[in-house]
Structures are given as structure tokens and as C-alpha cells.
Amino acid sequence: MVADLSKYLSTENKPFYLLAISALLLSAMLFSSCSVDIYPKMLSSDRPSGEMTFVYTHRNHEVPRLHWENAMKQAEERCLEWGYSGVRKYEAGEIDCLSQSESGCTRFQVKHRVYCYD
């Protein structure tokens, strides 16, 4: 048996209509992930090994939109200062949990290593 909800969801039944629309919008906001712009920052660098570590943090409900342009420019400048000819970033990052709750990790830190090459 399928209920006919059209009489409840019509604009004629304004209080219920507004409640249904509000509930739908609230559900969409709660269950959707938000995208955030993230600019990785240099955490450390080591001249002899030609290695640099960049880091960023995000929350579990966020979808990071990474902007590596400035970080890679900074890394390339550092490599050239050290006498290397270029820089390479490896895609795999190390993920650490910074904040834990009953439902799992709520805040992450991600570290990426960048290497200078000759």
C-alpha cells in the first residue's frame, strides 16, 4: 500500500509543506560533506637528504580540495637554493588522527614528503 502524500506536500497545506521542506534541507546539509580549500604548509626540511615535509589538517566531514601550487613553488625554490635541479612530490601521504570521538577520528593531519633531485 502506497500512501498518497500529495495532499500533505502541496502548498495548500502550508505548515506541513514548510516542515517537510525544512526537514529535507536540514537532512541534505547534515549528510553532505563540505569541500574546503587547503593550502599545505612546510613542516620541516632537511638539506642533506633533500627532503621536505608538508602538512595540512582537516575534519572527518570535510572533503579537502588541495592547492599545491604555492607549496611546490616554495619547495622548488628551496631545492634550487640547496643546489638540486628539481623537486618531486609523492602522492601517498601519512595520515594521523588528531582528535578521537566515540564515532571515530574527527580531525586528521596529513603529511606529504617532497624530495629534491639532481
PDB file of N, CA and C in Angstrom:
ATOM      1  N   MET A   1       0.841  -1.170   0.000  1.00  0.00           N
ATOM      2  CA  MET A   1       0.000   0.000   0.000  1.00  0.00           C
ATOM      3  C   MET A   1       0.890   1.238   0.000  1.00  0.00           C
ATOM      4  N   VAL A   2       0.688   2.111  -0.940  1.00  0.00           N
ATOM      5  CA  VAL A   2       1.453   3.345  -1.048  1.00  0.00           C
ATOM      6  C   VAL A   2       0.561   4.507  -0.655  1.00  0.00           C
ATOM      7  N   ALA A   3       1.035   5.315   0.282  1.00  0.00           N
ATOM      8  CA  ALA A   3       0.239   6.447   0.746  1.00  0.00           C
ATOM      9  C   ALA A   3       0.321   7.588  -0.258  1.00  0.00           C
ATOM     10  N   ASP A   4      -0.766   8.300  -0.415  1.00  0.00           N
ATOM     11  CA  ASP A   4      -0.794   9.467  -1.293  1.00  0.00           C
ATOM     12  C   ASP A   4      -0.417  10.681  -0.455  1.00  0.00           C
ATOM     13  N   LEU A   5       0.813  11.142  -0.624  1.00  0.00           N
ATOM     14  CA  LEU A   5       1.318  12.269   0.158  1.00  0.00           C
ATOM     15  C   LEU A   5       1.080  13.608  -0.518  1.00  0.00           C
ATOM     16  N   SER A   6       0.496  13.598  -1.705  1.00  0.00           N
ATOM     17  CA  SER A   6       0.350  14.836  -2.464  1.00  0.00           C
ATOM     18  C   SER A   6      -0.459  15.886  -1.719  1.00  0.00           C
ATOM     19  N   LYS A   7      -1.479  15.460  -0.955  1.00  0.00           N
ATOM     20  CA  LYS A   7      -2.286  16.454  -0.229  1.00  0.00           C
ATOM     21  C   LYS A   7      -1.489  17.108   0.899  1.00  0.00           C
ATOM     22  N   TYR A   8      -0.485  16.369   1.451  1.00  0.00           N
ATOM     23  CA  TYR A   8       0.331  16.940   2.515  1.00  0.00           C
ATOM     24  C   TYR A   8       1.461  17.806   1.977  1.00  0.00           C
ATOM     25  N   LEU A   9       1.960  17.462   0.814  1.00  0.00           N
ATOM     26  CA  LEU A   9       3.099  18.179   0.254  1.00  0.00           C
ATOM     27  C   LEU A   9       2.696  19.291  -0.711  1.00  0.00           C
ATOM     28  N   SER A  10       1.447  19.594  -0.788  1.00  0.00           N
ATOM     29  CA  SER A  10       1.006  20.701  -1.635  1.00  0.00           C
ATOM     30  C   SER A  10       1.172  21.995  -0.858  1.00  0.00           C
ATOM     31  N   THR A  11       1.270  23.087  -1.582  1.00  0.00           N
ATOM     32  CA  THR A  11       1.437  24.382  -0.924  1.00  0.00           C
ATOM     33  C   THR A  11       0.167  24.823  -0.211  1.00  0.00           C
ATOM     34  N   GLU A  12      -0.943  24.133  -0.469  1.00  0.00           N
ATOM     35  CA  GLU A  12      -2.192  24.463   0.219  1.00  0.00           C
ATOM     36  C   GLU A  12      -2.119  24.115   1.705  1.00  0.00           C
ATOM     37  N   ASN A  13      -1.386  23.064   2.051  1.00  0.00           N
ATOM     38  CA  ASN A  13      -1.190  22.666   3.438  1.00  0.00           C
ATOM     39  C   ASN A  13       0.150  23.256   3.888  1.00  0.00           C
ATOM     40  N   LYS A  14       0.173  24.573   4.001  1.00  0.00           N
ATOM     41  CA  LYS A  14       1.419  25.315   4.185  1.00  0.00           C
ATOM     42  C   LYS A  14       2.259  24.890   5.406  1.00  0.00           C
ATOM     43  N   PRO A  15       1.696  24.719   6.609  1.00  0.00           N
ATOM     44  CA  PRO A  15       2.551  24.339   7.747  1.00  0.00           C
ATOM     45  C   PRO A  15       3.283  23.020   7.525  1.00  0.00           C
ATOM     46  N   PHE A  16       2.579  22.008   7.035  1.00  0.00           N
ATOM     47  CA  PHE A  16       3.227  20.716   6.807  1.00  0.00           C
ATOM     48  C   PHE A  16       4.221  20.801   5.651  1.00  0.00           C
ATOM     49  N   TYR A  17       3.882  21.558   4.629  1.00  0.00           N
ATOM     50  CA  TYR A  17       4.756  21.745   3.470  1.00  0.00           C
ATOM     51  C   TYR A  17       6.086  22.376   3.899  1.00  0.00           C
ATOM     52  N   LEU A  18       6.003  23.438   4.702  1.00  0.00           N
ATOM     53  CA  LEU A  18       7.217  24.106   5.180  1.00  0.00           C
ATOM     54  C   LEU A  18       8.043  23.193   6.079  1.00  0.00           C
ATOM     55  N   LEU A  19       7.386  22.413   6.904  1.00  0.00           N
ATOM     56  CA  LEU A  19       8.077  21.460   7.770  1.00  0.00           C
ATOM     57  C   LEU A  19       8.796  20.397   6.936  1.00  0.00           C
ATOM     58  N   ALA A  20       8.113  19.879   5.919  1.00  0.00           N
ATOM     59  CA  ALA A  20       8.716  18.853   5.059  1.00  0.00           C
ATOM     60  C   ALA A  20       9.911  19.406   4.298  1.00  0.00           C
ATOM     61  N   ILE A  21       9.789  20.607   3.760  1.00  0.00           N
ATOM     62  CA  ILE A  21      10.905  21.225   3.022  1.00  0.00           C
ATOM     63  C   ILE A  21      12.069  21.504   3.968  1.00  0.00           C
ATOM     64  N   SER A  22      11.786  22.012   5.165  1.00  0.00           N
ATOM     65  CA  SER A  22      12.839  22.281   6.151  1.00  0.00           C
ATOM     66  C   SER A  22      13.578  21.007   6.543  1.00  0.00           C
ATOM     67  N   ALA A  23      12.820  19.927   6.777  1.00  0.00           N
ATOM     68  CA  ALA A  23      13.437  18.647   7.137  1.00  0.00           C
ATOM     69  C   ALA A  23      14.313  18.124   6.013  1.00  0.00           C
ATOM     70  N   LEU A  24      13.853  18.284   4.781  1.00  0.00           N
ATOM     71  CA  LEU A  24      14.631  17.839   3.631  1.00  0.00           C
ATOM     72  C   LEU A  24      15.932  18.628   3.495  1.00  0.00           C
ATOM     73  N   LEU A  25      15.850  19.929   3.642  1.00  0.00           N
ATOM     74  CA  LEU A  25      17.050  20.769   3.544  1.00  0.00           C
ATOM     75  C   LEU A  25      18.027  20.484   4.686  1.00  0.00           C
ATOM     76  N   LEU A  26      17.509  20.318   5.891  1.00  0.00           N
ATOM     77  CA  LEU A  26      18.365  20.003   7.038  1.00  0.00           C
ATOM     78  C   LEU A  26      19.069  18.668   6.845  1.00  0.00           C
ATOM     79  N   SER A  27      18.350  17.675   6.348  1.00  0.00           N
ATOM     80  CA  SER A  27      18.952  16.361   6.089  1.00  0.00           C
ATOM     81  C   SER A  27      20.058  16.461   5.047  1.00  0.00           C
ATOM     82  N   ALA A  28      19.811  17.215   4.003  1.00  0.00           N
ATOM     83  CA  ALA A  28      20.815  17.371   2.949  1.00  0.00           C
ATOM     84  C   ALA A  28      22.066  18.040   3.500  1.00  0.00           C
ATOM     85  N   MET A  29      21.889  19.046   4.359  1.00  0.00           N
ATOM     86  CA  MET A  29      23.051  19.741   4.928  1.00  0.00           C
ATOM     87  C   MET A  29      23.823  18.842   5.889  1.00  0.00           C
ATOM     88  N   LEU A  30      23.125  18.060   6.694  1.00  0.00           N
ATOM     89  CA  LEU A  30      23.791  17.219   7.687  1.00  0.00           C
ATOM     90  C   LEU A  30      24.552  16.056   7.060  1.00  0.00           C
ATOM     91  N   PHE A  31      24.014  15.487   5.994  1.00  0.00           N
ATOM     92  CA  PHE A  31      24.604  14.283   5.435  1.00  0.00           C
ATOM     93  C   PHE A  31      25.502  14.530   4.236  1.00  0.00           C
ATOM     94  N   SER A  32      25.675  15.778   3.884  1.00  0.00           N
ATOM     95  CA  SER A  32      26.582  16.062   2.775  1.00  0.00           C
ATOM     96  C   SER A  32      27.907  16.540   3.341  1.00  0.00           C
ATOM     97  N   SER A  33      28.966  16.237   2.654  1.00  0.00           N
ATOM     98  CA  SER A  33      30.290  16.683   3.067  1.00  0.00           C
ATOM     99  C   SER A  33      30.553  18.042   2.446  1.00  0.00           C
ATOM    100  N   CYS A  34      31.243  18.867   3.199  1.00  0.00           N
ATOM    101  CA  CYS A  34      31.584  20.166   2.634  1.00  0.00           C
ATOM    102  C   CYS A  34      33.021  20.111   2.112  1.00  0.00           C
ATOM    103  N   SER A  35      33.227  20.802   1.040  1.00  0.00           N
ATOM    104  CA  SER A  35      34.543  20.856   0.426  1.00  0.00           C
ATOM    105  C   SER A  35      35.268  22.079   0.966  1.00  0.00           C
ATOM    106  N   VAL A  36      36.516  21.903   1.362  1.00  0.00           N
ATOM    107  CA  VAL A  36      37.302  23.011   1.918  1.00  0.00           C
ATOM    108  C   VAL A  36      38.597  23.174   1.131  1.00  0.00           C
ATOM    109  N   ASP A  37      38.986  24.423   0.938  1.00  0.00           N
ATOM    110  CA  ASP A  37      40.260  24.723   0.284  1.00  0.00           C
ATOM    111  C   ASP A  37      41.375  24.587   1.307  1.00  0.00           C
ATOM    112  N   ILE A  38      42.405  23.839   0.944  1.00  0.00           N
ATOM    113  CA  ILE A  38      43.521  23.606   1.856  1.00  0.00           C
ATOM    114  C   ILE A  38      44.825  23.905   1.135  1.00  0.00           C
ATOM    115  N   TYR A  39      45.690  24.651   1.829  1.00  0.00           N
ATOM    116  CA  TYR A  39      46.995  25.029   1.311  1.00  0.00           C
ATOM    117  C   TYR A  39      48.056  24.403   2.217  1.00  0.00           C
ATOM    118  N   PRO A  40      48.691  23.312   1.803  1.00  0.00           N
ATOM    119  CA  PRO A  40      49.685  22.647   2.650  1.00  0.00           C
ATOM    120  C   PRO A  40      50.821  23.594   3.051  1.00  0.00           C
ATOM    121  N   LYS A  41      51.288  23.441   4.267  1.00  0.00           N
ATOM    122  CA  LYS A  41      52.375  24.260   4.815  1.00  0.00           C
ATOM    123  C   LYS A  41      53.601  23.395   5.065  1.00  0.00           C
ATOM    124  N   MET A  42      54.794  23.999   4.899  1.00  0.00           N
ATOM    125  CA  MET A  42      56.026  23.260   5.154  1.00  0.00           C
ATOM    126  C   MET A  42      56.185  23.061   6.655  1.00  0.00           C
ATOM    127  N   LEU A  43      56.407  21.832   7.037  1.00  0.00           N
ATOM    128  CA  LEU A  43      56.597  21.480   8.436  1.00  0.00           C
ATOM    129  C   LEU A  43      58.082  21.373   8.766  1.00  0.00           C
ATOM    130  N   SER A  44      58.840  20.744   7.854  1.00  0.00           N
ATOM    131  CA  SER A  44      60.273  20.560   8.098  1.00  0.00           C
ATOM    132  C   SER A  44      60.995  20.407   6.765  1.00  0.00           C
ATOM    133  N   SER A  45      62.316  20.610   6.828  1.00  0.00           N
ATOM    134  CA  SER A  45      63.149  20.397   5.637  1.00  0.00           C
ATOM    135  C   SER A  45      64.532  19.948   6.078  1.00  0.00           C
ATOM    136  N   ASP A  46      65.167  19.153   5.231  1.00  0.00           N
ATOM    137  CA  ASP A  46      66.487  18.617   5.537  1.00  0.00           C
ATOM    138  C   ASP A  46      67.363  18.718   4.289  1.00  0.00           C
ATOM    139  N   ARG A  47      68.357  19.583   4.328  1.00  0.00           N
ATOM    140  CA  ARG A  47      69.195  19.830   3.162  1.00  0.00           C
ATOM    141  C   ARG A  47      69.969  18.601   2.692  1.00  0.00           C
ATOM    142  N   PRO A  48      70.670  17.869   3.588  1.00  0.00           N
ATOM    143  CA  PRO A  48      71.471  16.728   3.108  1.00  0.00           C
ATOM    144  C   PRO A  48      70.652  15.669   2.366  1.00  0.00           C
ATOM    145  N   SER A  49      69.455  15.398   2.855  1.00  0.00           N
ATOM    146  CA  SER A  49      68.634  14.377   2.192  1.00  0.00           C
ATOM    147  C   SER A  49      67.772  14.971   1.078  1.00  0.00           C
ATOM    148  N   GLY A  50      67.653  16.302   1.050  1.00  0.00           N
ATOM    149  CA  GLY A  50      66.812  16.951   0.050  1.00  0.00           C
ATOM    150  C   GLY A  50      65.337  16.679   0.276  1.00  0.00           C
ATOM    151  N   GLU A  51      64.970  16.452   1.520  1.00  0.00           N
ATOM    152  CA  GLU A  51      63.590  16.084   1.837  1.00  0.00           C
ATOM    153  C   GLU A  51      62.887  17.206   2.591  1.00  0.00           C
ATOM    154  N   MET A  52      61.629  17.442   2.230  1.00  0.00           N
ATOM    155  CA  MET A  52      60.780  18.398   2.931  1.00  0.00           C
ATOM    156  C   MET A  52      59.464  17.706   3.264  1.00  0.00           C
ATOM    157  N   THR A  53      58.853  18.124   4.364  1.00  0.00           N
ATOM    158  CA  THR A  53      57.561  17.580   4.760  1.00  0.00           C
ATOM    159  C   THR A  53      56.554  18.716   4.795  1.00  0.00           C
ATOM    160  N   PHE A  54      55.445  18.504   4.104  1.00  0.00           N
ATOM    161  CA  PHE A  54      54.343  19.458   4.112  1.00  0.00           C
ATOM    162  C   PHE A  54      53.180  18.823   4.847  1.00  0.00           C
ATOM    163  N   VAL A  55      52.383  19.659   5.500  1.00  0.00           N
ATOM    164  CA  VAL A  55      51.317  19.152   6.349  1.00  0.00           C
ATOM    165  C   VAL A  55      50.050  19.979   6.153  1.00  0.00           C
ATOM    166  N   TYR A  56      48.913  19.304   6.356  1.00  0.00           N
ATOM    167  CA  TYR A  56      47.629  20.001   6.429  1.00  0.00           C
ATOM    168  C   TYR A  56      46.706  19.181   7.324  1.00  0.00           C
ATOM    169  N   THR A  57      45.671  19.839   7.827  1.00  0.00           N
ATOM    170  CA  THR A  57      44.689  19.161   8.673  1.00  0.00           C
ATOM    171  C   THR A  57      43.295  19.356   8.083  1.00  0.00           C
ATOM    172  N   HIS A  58      42.421  18.415   8.388  1.00  0.00           N
ATOM    173  CA  HIS A  58      41.012  18.554   8.014  1.00  0.00           C
ATOM    174  C   HIS A  58      40.160  17.701   8.934  1.00  0.00           C
ATOM    175  N   ARG A  59      38.882  18.009   8.975  1.00  0.00           N
ATOM    176  CA  ARG A  59      37.926  17.274   9.801  1.00  0.00           C
ATOM    177  C   ARG A  59      37.315  16.134   8.998  1.00  0.00           C
ATOM    178  N   ASN A  60      36.714  15.179   9.694  1.00  0.00           N
ATOM    179  CA  ASN A  60      36.210  13.974   9.024  1.00  0.00           C
ATOM    180  C   ASN A  60      35.077  14.253   8.051  1.00  0.00           C
ATOM    181  N   HIS A  61      34.304  15.302   8.241  1.00  0.00           N
ATOM    182  CA  HIS A  61      33.198  15.600   7.340  1.00  0.00           C
ATOM    183  C   HIS A  61      33.618  16.486   6.165  1.00  0.00           C
ATOM    184  N   GLU A  62      34.862  16.917   6.154  1.00  0.00           N
ATOM    185  CA  GLU A  62      35.342  17.803   5.093  1.00  0.00           C
ATOM    186  C   GLU A  62      35.992  17.007   3.967  1.00  0.00           C
ATOM    187  N   VAL A  63      35.797  17.490   2.770  1.00  0.00           N
ATOM    188  CA  VAL A  63      36.473  16.931   1.606  1.00  0.00           C
ATOM    189  C   VAL A  63      37.547  17.942   1.214  1.00  0.00           C
ATOM    190  N   PRO A  64      38.827  17.616   1.462  1.00  0.00           N
ATOM    191  CA  PRO A  64      39.871  18.600   1.170  1.00  0.00           C
ATOM    192  C   PRO A  64      40.071  18.809  -0.323  1.00  0.00           C
ATOM    193  N   ARG A  65      40.096  20.071  -0.718  1.00  0.00           N
ATOM    194  CA  ARG A  65      40.439  20.461  -2.084  1.00  0.00           C
ATOM    195  C   ARG A  65      41.830  21.096  -1.976  1.00  0.00           C
ATOM    196  N   LEU A  66      42.847  20.295  -2.319  1.00  0.00           N
ATOM    197  CA  LEU A  66      44.235  20.695  -2.075  1.00  0.00           C
ATOM    198  C   LEU A  66      44.763  21.625  -3.157  1.00  0.00           C
ATOM    199  N   HIS A  67      45.456  22.644  -2.699  1.00  0.00           N
ATOM    200  CA  HIS A  67      46.111  23.599  -3.590  1.00  0.00           C
ATOM    201  C   HIS A  67      47.620  23.511  -3.329  1.00  0.00           C
ATOM    202  N   TRP A  68      48.308  22.782  -4.184  1.00  0.00           N
ATOM    203  CA  TRP A  68      49.740  22.534  -4.000  1.00  0.00           C
ATOM    204  C   TRP A  68      50.618  23.581  -4.679  1.00  0.00           C
ATOM    205  N   GLU A  69      50.048  24.506  -5.424  1.00  0.00           N
ATOM    206  CA  GLU A  69      50.848  25.414  -6.232  1.00  0.00           C
ATOM    207  C   GLU A  69      51.903  26.169  -5.413  1.00  0.00           C
ATOM    208  N   ASN A  70      51.477  26.841  -4.341  1.00  0.00           N
ATOM    209  CA  ASN A  70      52.426  27.618  -3.527  1.00  0.00           C
ATOM    210  C   ASN A  70      53.428  26.728  -2.805  1.00  0.00           C
ATOM    211  N   ALA A  71      52.966  25.597  -2.307  1.00  0.00           N
ATOM    212  CA  ALA A  71      53.856  24.679  -1.597  1.00  0.00           C
ATOM    213  C   ALA A  71      54.936  24.143  -2.528  1.00  0.00           C
ATOM    214  N   MET A  72      54.544  23.764  -3.747  1.00  0.00           N
ATOM    215  CA  MET A  72      55.531  23.226  -4.690  1.00  0.00           C
ATOM    216  C   MET A  72      56.494  24.309  -5.170  1.00  0.00           C
ATOM    217  N   LYS A  73      56.018  25.528  -5.292  1.00  0.00           N
ATOM    218  CA  LYS A  73      56.908  26.650  -5.662  1.00  0.00           C
ATOM    219  C   LYS A  73      57.924  26.877  -4.544  1.00  0.00           C
ATOM    220  N   GLN A  74      57.459  26.872  -3.313  1.00  0.00           N
ATOM    221  CA  GLN A  74      58.349  27.026  -2.158  1.00  0.00           C
ATOM    222  C   GLN A  74      59.369  25.887  -2.111  1.00  0.00           C
ATOM    223  N   ALA A  75      58.927  24.664  -2.347  1.00  0.00           N
ATOM    224  CA  ALA A  75      59.826  23.505  -2.329  1.00  0.00           C
ATOM    225  C   ALA A  75      60.851  23.598  -3.461  1.00  0.00           C
ATOM    226  N   GLU A  76      60.405  23.997  -4.642  1.00  0.00           N
ATOM    227  CA  GLU A  76      61.341  24.111  -5.767  1.00  0.00           C
ATOM    228  C   GLU A  76      62.396  25.177  -5.496  1.00  0.00           C
ATOM    229  N   GLU A  77      61.981  26.309  -4.941  1.00  0.00           N
ATOM    230  CA  GLU A  77      62.947  27.364  -4.594  1.00  0.00           C
ATOM    231  C   GLU A  77      63.954  26.863  -3.578  1.00  0.00           C
ATOM    232  N   ARG A  78      63.490  26.103  -2.592  1.00  0.00           N
ATOM    233  CA  ARG A  78      64.387  25.562  -1.571  1.00  0.00           C
ATOM    234  C   ARG A  78      65.373  24.588  -2.201  1.00  0.00           C
ATOM    235  N   CYS A  79      64.886  23.713  -3.081  1.00  0.00           N
ATOM    236  CA  CYS A  79      65.763  22.746  -3.748  1.00  0.00           C
ATOM    237  C   CYS A  79      66.843  23.456  -4.572  1.00  0.00           C
ATOM    238  N   LEU A  80      66.452  24.488  -5.305  1.00  0.00           N
ATOM    239  CA  LEU A  80      67.430  25.231  -6.115  1.00  0.00           C
ATOM    240  C   LEU A  80      68.460  25.929  -5.233  1.00  0.00           C
ATOM    241  N   GLU A  81      68.031  26.483  -4.098  1.00  0.00           N
ATOM    242  CA  GLU A  81      68.965  27.094  -3.143  1.00  0.00           C
ATOM    243  C   GLU A  81      69.968  26.069  -2.629  1.00  0.00           C
ATOM    244  N   TRP A  82      69.540  24.834  -2.468  1.00  0.00           N
ATOM    245  CA  TRP A  82      70.401  23.778  -1.945  1.00  0.00           C
ATOM    246  C   TRP A  82      71.285  23.161  -3.025  1.00  0.00           C
ATOM    247  N   GLY A  83      71.105  23.543  -4.272  1.00  0.00           N
ATOM    248  CA  GLY A  83      71.944  23.016  -5.345  1.00  0.00           C
ATOM    249  C   GLY A  83      71.338  21.844  -6.104  1.00  0.00           C
ATOM    250  N   TYR A  84      70.093  21.513  -5.836  1.00  0.00           N
ATOM    251  CA  TYR A  84      69.407  20.462  -6.588  1.00  0.00           C
ATOM    252  C   TYR A  84      68.783  21.075  -7.841  1.00  0.00           C
ATOM    253  N   SER A  85      68.357  20.226  -8.762  1.00  0.00           N
ATOM    254  CA  SER A  85      67.807  20.759 -10.010  1.00  0.00           C
ATOM    255  C   SER A  85      66.272  20.734 -10.081  1.00  0.00           C
ATOM    256  N   GLY A  86      65.618  20.014  -9.201  1.00  0.00           N
ATOM    257  CA  GLY A  86      64.161  19.962  -9.250  1.00  0.00           C
ATOM    258  C   GLY A  86      63.561  19.356  -8.006  1.00  0.00           C
ATOM    259  N   VAL A  87      62.236  19.252  -8.024  1.00  0.00           N
ATOM    260  CA  VAL A  87      61.507  18.739  -6.863  1.00  0.00           C
ATOM    261  C   VAL A  87      60.430  17.759  -7.333  1.00  0.00           C
ATOM    262  N   ARG A  88      60.154  16.779  -6.487  1.00  0.00           N
ATOM    263  CA  ARG A  88      59.150  15.755  -6.803  1.00  0.00           C
ATOM    264  C   ARG A  88      58.321  15.484  -5.542  1.00  0.00           C
ATOM    265  N   LYS A  89      56.999  15.436  -5.711  1.00  0.00           N
ATOM    266  CA  LYS A  89      56.099  15.118  -4.599  1.00  0.00           C
ATOM    267  C   LYS A  89      55.522  13.732  -4.836  1.00  0.00           C
ATOM    268  N   TYR A  90      55.585  12.923  -3.808  1.00  0.00           N
ATOM    269  CA  TYR A  90      54.965  11.606  -3.896  1.00  0.00           C
ATOM    270  C   TYR A  90      53.525  11.709  -3.439  1.00  0.00           C
ATOM    271  N   GLU A  91      52.637  11.022  -4.122  1.00  0.00           N
ATOM    272  CA  GLU A  91      51.197  11.155  -3.883  1.00  0.00           C
ATOM    273  C   GLU A  91      50.754  10.624  -2.522  1.00  0.00           C
ATOM    274  N   ALA A  92      51.344   9.554  -2.056  1.00  0.00           N
ATOM    275  CA  ALA A  92      50.898   8.945  -0.800  1.00  0.00           C
ATOM    276  C   ALA A  92      51.295   9.819   0.386  1.00  0.00           C
ATOM    277  N   GLY A  93      50.338  10.083   1.256  1.00  0.00           N
ATOM    278  CA  GLY A  93      50.613  10.849   2.459  1.00  0.00           C
ATOM    279  C   GLY A  93      50.424   9.979   3.684  1.00  0.00           C
ATOM    280  N   GLU A  94      50.990  10.421   4.800  1.00  0.00           N
ATOM    281  CA  GLU A  94      50.823   9.723   6.077  1.00  0.00           C
ATOM    282  C   GLU A  94      49.690  10.407   6.833  1.00  0.00           C
ATOM    283  N   ILE A  95      48.709   9.639   7.255  1.00  0.00           N
ATOM    284  CA  ILE A  95      47.537  10.190   7.938  1.00  0.00           C
ATOM    285  C   ILE A  95      47.590   9.835   9.415  1.00  0.00           C
ATOM    286  N   ASP A  96      47.464  10.854  10.258  1.00  0.00           N
ATOM    287  CA  ASP A  96      47.414  10.666  11.707  1.00  0.00           C
ATOM    288  C   ASP A  96      46.103  11.240  12.230  1.00  0.00           C
ATOM    289  N   CYS A  97      45.540  10.592  13.243  1.00  0.00           N
ATOM    290  CA  CYS A  97      44.329  11.088  13.881  1.00  0.00           C
ATOM    291  C   CYS A  97      44.725  12.063  14.989  1.00  0.00           C
ATOM    292  N   LEU A  98      44.181  13.279  14.943  1.00  0.00           N
ATOM    293  CA  LEU A  98      44.474  14.285  15.965  1.00  0.00           C
ATOM    294  C   LEU A  98      43.406  14.332  17.050  1.00  0.00           C
ATOM    295  N   SER A  99      42.162  14.047  16.686  1.00  0.00           N
ATOM    296  CA  SER A  99      41.049  14.080  17.644  1.00  0.00           C
ATOM    297  C   SER A  99      40.170  12.850  17.449  1.00  0.00           C
ATOM    298  N   GLN A 100      39.881  12.194  18.535  1.00  0.00           N
ATOM    299  CA  GLN A 100      39.090  10.960  18.510  1.00  0.00           C
ATOM    300  C   GLN A 100      37.776  11.190  19.259  1.00  0.00           C
ATOM    301  N   SER A 101      36.703  10.575  18.768  1.00  0.00           N
ATOM    302  CA  SER A 101      35.427  10.582  19.480  1.00  0.00           C
ATOM    303  C   SER A 101      34.898   9.156  19.507  1.00  0.00           C
ATOM    304  N   GLU A 102      33.722   8.968  20.066  1.00  0.00           N
ATOM    305  CA  GLU A 102      33.121   7.634  20.132  1.00  0.00           C
ATOM    306  C   GLU A 102      32.864   7.067  18.734  1.00  0.00           C
ATOM    307  N   SER A 103      32.604   7.964  17.771  1.00  0.00           N
ATOM    308  CA  SER A 103      32.291   7.502  16.414  1.00  0.00           C
ATOM    309  C   SER A 103      33.526   7.357  15.536  1.00  0.00           C
ATOM    310  N   GLY A 104      34.705   7.665  16.073  1.00  0.00           N
ATOM    311  CA  GLY A 104      35.939   7.532  15.292  1.00  0.00           C
ATOM    312  C   GLY A 104      36.734   8.817  15.274  1.00  0.00           C
ATOM    313  N   CYS A 105      37.636   8.911  14.330  1.00  0.00           N
ATOM    314  CA  CYS A 105      38.503  10.079  14.233  1.00  0.00           C
ATOM    315  C   CYS A 105      37.711  11.264  13.679  1.00  0.00           C
ATOM    316  N   THR A 106      37.855  12.414  14.316  1.00  0.00           N
ATOM    317  CA  THR A 106      37.122  13.599  13.874  1.00  0.00           C
ATOM    318  C   THR A 106      38.022  14.654  13.239  1.00  0.00           C
ATOM    319  N   ARG A 107      39.338  14.532  13.435  1.00  0.00           N
ATOM    320  CA  ARG A 107      40.275  15.508  12.866  1.00  0.00           C
ATOM    321  C   ARG A 107      41.553  14.775  12.485  1.00  0.00           C
ATOM    322  N   PHE A 108      41.991  15.016  11.247  1.00  0.00           N
ATOM    323  CA  PHE A 108      43.153  14.331  10.704  1.00  0.00           C
ATOM    324  C   PHE A 108      44.278  15.311  10.396  1.00  0.00           C
ATOM    325  N   GLN A 109      45.508  14.803  10.468  1.00  0.00           N
ATOM    326  CA  GLN A 109      46.671  15.522   9.973  1.00  0.00           C
ATOM    327  C   GLN A 109      47.300  14.655   8.892  1.00  0.00           C
ATOM    328  N   VAL A 110      47.579  15.259   7.761  1.00  0.00           N
ATOM    329  CA  VAL A 110      48.161  14.528   6.644  1.00  0.00           C
ATOM    330  C   VAL A 110      49.520  15.152   6.321  1.00  0.00           C
ATOM    331  N   LYS A 111      50.549  14.290   6.262  1.00  0.00           N
ATOM    332  CA  LYS A 111      51.911  14.734   5.941  1.00  0.00           C
ATOM    333  C   LYS A 111      52.308  14.166   4.589  1.00  0.00           C
ATOM    334  N   HIS A 112      52.864  15.025   3.744  1.00  0.00           N
ATOM    335  CA  HIS A 112      53.374  14.600   2.440  1.00  0.00           C
ATOM    336  C   HIS A 112      54.863  14.928   2.376  1.00  0.00           C
ATOM    337  N   ARG A 113      55.629  13.998   1.866  1.00  0.00           N
ATOM    338  CA  ARG A 113      57.059  14.210   1.684  1.00  0.00           C
ATOM    339  C   ARG A 113      57.323  14.671   0.252  1.00  0.00           C
ATOM    340  N   VAL A 114      58.202  15.632   0.154  1.00  0.00           N
ATOM    341  CA  VAL A 114      58.617  16.185  -1.128  1.00  0.00           C
ATOM    342  C   VAL A 114      60.138  16.041  -1.195  1.00  0.00           C
ATOM    343  N   TYR A 115      60.650  15.602  -2.342  1.00  0.00           N
ATOM    344  CA  TYR A 115      62.083  15.321  -2.475  1.00  0.00           C
ATOM    345  C   TYR A 115      62.703  16.161  -3.585  1.00  0.00           C
ATOM    346  N   CYS A 116      63.893  16.667  -3.300  1.00  0.00           N
ATOM    347  CA  CYS A 116      64.692  17.334  -4.316  1.00  0.00           C
ATOM    348  C   CYS A 116      65.449  16.264  -5.099  1.00  0.00           C
ATOM    349  N   TYR A 117      65.723  16.522  -6.372  1.00  0.00           N
ATOM    350  CA  TYR A 117      66.529  15.594  -7.160  1.00  0.00           C
ATOM    351  C   TYR A 117      67.554  16.377  -7.973  1.00  0.00           C
ATOM    352  N   ASP A 118      68.604  15.642  -8.392  1.00  0.00           N
ATOM    353  CA  ASP A 118      69.683  16.258  -9.199  1.00  0.00           C
ATOM    354  C   ASP A 118      69.350  16.227 -10.660  1.00  0.00           C
TER     355      ASP A 118
END
